[in-house]
Protein backbone atom coordinates (compact mmCIF):
# COMPACT_ATOMS: atom_id res chain seq x y z
CA UNK A 1 2.89 109.49 143.57
CA UNK A 2 6.45 108.39 145.30
CA UNK A 3 7.78 105.52 144.37
CA UNK A 4 9.04 104.40 148.01
CA UNK A 5 5.53 105.06 149.84
CA UNK A 6 3.77 108.05 151.30
CA UNK A 7 5.21 107.69 155.23
CA UNK A 8 8.78 107.87 153.93
CA UNK A 9 7.61 110.58 151.53
CA UNK A 10 6.22 112.82 154.28
CA UNK A 11 9.11 112.10 156.62
CA UNK A 12 11.15 113.33 154.15
CA UNK A 13 9.37 116.30 153.14
CA UNK A 14 7.72 117.64 156.75
CA UNK A 15 11.28 119.58 157.82
CA UNK A 16 10.40 121.62 154.88
CA UNK A 17 8.66 125.03 155.00
CA UNK A 18 4.81 124.91 153.03
CA UNK A 19 6.40 127.16 150.47
CA UNK A 20 9.51 124.84 149.85
CA UNK A 21 7.08 121.78 149.42
CA UNK A 22 5.64 122.85 146.35
CA UNK A 23 8.57 121.91 144.05
CA UNK A 24 7.73 117.56 145.64
CA UNK A 25 4.23 118.15 145.12
CA UNK A 26 4.63 118.70 141.96
CA UNK A 27 7.21 116.63 140.20
CA UNK A 28 4.57 114.23 142.15
CA UNK A 29 1.59 115.29 140.13
CA UNK A 30 3.81 114.77 136.60
CA UNK A 31 2.22 111.69 134.99
CA UNK A 32 4.82 109.37 134.68
CA UNK A 33 7.32 111.19 137.74
CA UNK A 34 8.34 109.42 140.48
CA UNK A 35 10.44 110.98 143.52
CA UNK A 36 11.81 107.51 144.76
CA UNK A 37 14.20 107.33 147.88
CA UNK A 38 17.18 107.69 146.18
CA UNK A 39 16.25 111.02 144.41
CA UNK A 40 14.63 112.12 147.93
CA UNK A 41 17.64 111.32 149.49
CA UNK A 42 19.94 113.64 146.36
CA UNK A 43 17.36 116.36 146.18
CA UNK A 44 17.91 116.75 150.26
CA UNK A 45 21.66 116.44 150.28
CA UNK A 46 21.61 119.50 147.57
CA UNK A 47 18.88 121.31 148.51
CA UNK A 48 18.75 120.83 152.77
CA UNK A 49 15.16 122.02 154.82
CA UNK A 50 14.20 123.76 155.87
CA UNK A 51 13.69 126.11 153.31
CA UNK A 52 14.60 125.08 149.37
CA UNK A 53 14.43 127.13 146.42
CA UNK A 54 12.22 125.44 143.77
CA UNK A 55 14.28 125.99 141.49
CA UNK A 56 17.02 124.24 142.78
CA UNK A 57 14.94 121.59 143.80
CA UNK A 58 13.98 120.70 140.35
CA UNK A 59 17.40 120.61 139.29
CA UNK A 60 18.31 118.65 141.92
CA UNK A 61 15.59 116.55 140.31
CA UNK A 62 16.68 116.17 137.30
CA UNK A 63 20.30 115.09 137.93
CA UNK A 64 18.78 112.58 140.19
CA UNK A 65 16.67 111.06 137.45
CA UNK A 66 20.12 111.51 134.46
CA UNK A 67 21.86 109.54 136.83
CA UNK A 68 19.68 106.99 137.73
CA UNK A 69 18.80 106.76 133.88
CA UNK A 70 23.25 106.21 133.34
CA UNK A 71 22.40 103.17 136.04
CA UNK A 72 20.08 102.21 133.80
CA UNK A 73 21.80 102.14 130.53
CA UNK A 74 25.68 100.81 132.40
CA UNK A 75 26.48 97.49 131.32
CA UNK A 76 25.75 94.82 134.36
CA UNK A 77 28.74 94.22 136.90
CA UNK A 78 28.30 90.16 136.11
CA UNK A 79 28.19 88.22 133.36
CA UNK A 80 25.89 85.05 133.48
CA UNK A 81 25.08 82.00 131.59
CA UNK A 82 21.94 79.68 131.58
CA UNK A 83 22.86 76.31 132.85
CA UNK A 84 20.66 74.53 130.98
CA UNK A 85 22.44 75.71 127.54
CA UNK A 86 25.92 74.60 129.23
CA UNK A 87 25.06 71.26 131.08
CA UNK A 88 26.26 68.72 129.34
CA UNK A 89 29.89 70.54 129.76
CA UNK A 90 29.39 71.61 133.33
CA UNK A 91 30.23 68.39 134.68
CA UNK A 92 33.62 67.92 133.10
CA UNK A 93 35.03 70.85 135.47
CA UNK A 94 35.24 71.54 139.32
CA UNK A 95 33.86 74.73 139.92
CA UNK A 96 31.97 77.60 137.85
CA UNK A 97 35.82 79.38 139.62
CA UNK A 98 37.31 77.18 136.52
CA UNK A 99 34.74 77.46 134.01
CA UNK A 100 35.17 81.48 134.79
CA UNK A 101 39.54 80.19 134.35
CA UNK A 102 38.60 78.82 131.27
CA UNK A 103 36.31 81.64 129.55
CA UNK A 104 38.77 84.40 130.38
CA UNK A 105 41.66 82.63 128.95
CA UNK A 106 39.31 81.55 126.29
CA UNK A 107 38.40 85.35 125.43
CA UNK A 108 42.35 86.26 125.73
CA UNK A 109 43.08 84.04 123.25
CA UNK A 110 40.31 85.39 120.89
CA UNK A 111 40.70 89.65 121.71
CA UNK A 112 44.21 89.15 121.24
């Protein structure tokens, strides 16, 4: 079943001809596979309605899944710390920006 809601899925699928809808239905019928909103948007950009080649839809879906996996494997954009562990030291600084600046200085010294 698509992960972004049946109505949105059917709205996105509606412009496609009946024959072009088959790969979407096949993807949704595979256990463990889902078409999320980003994947559906990628497929629609790569294979615009009303007709789409079956193999092109599968290829676009694989591309969307690969891109999603890469995003999941990428390191987080931000580093966060547990405030409870640093509580004894936090009151000695005026702001988080000051702590961040100190941390960057520490990293520069350690990393060389």
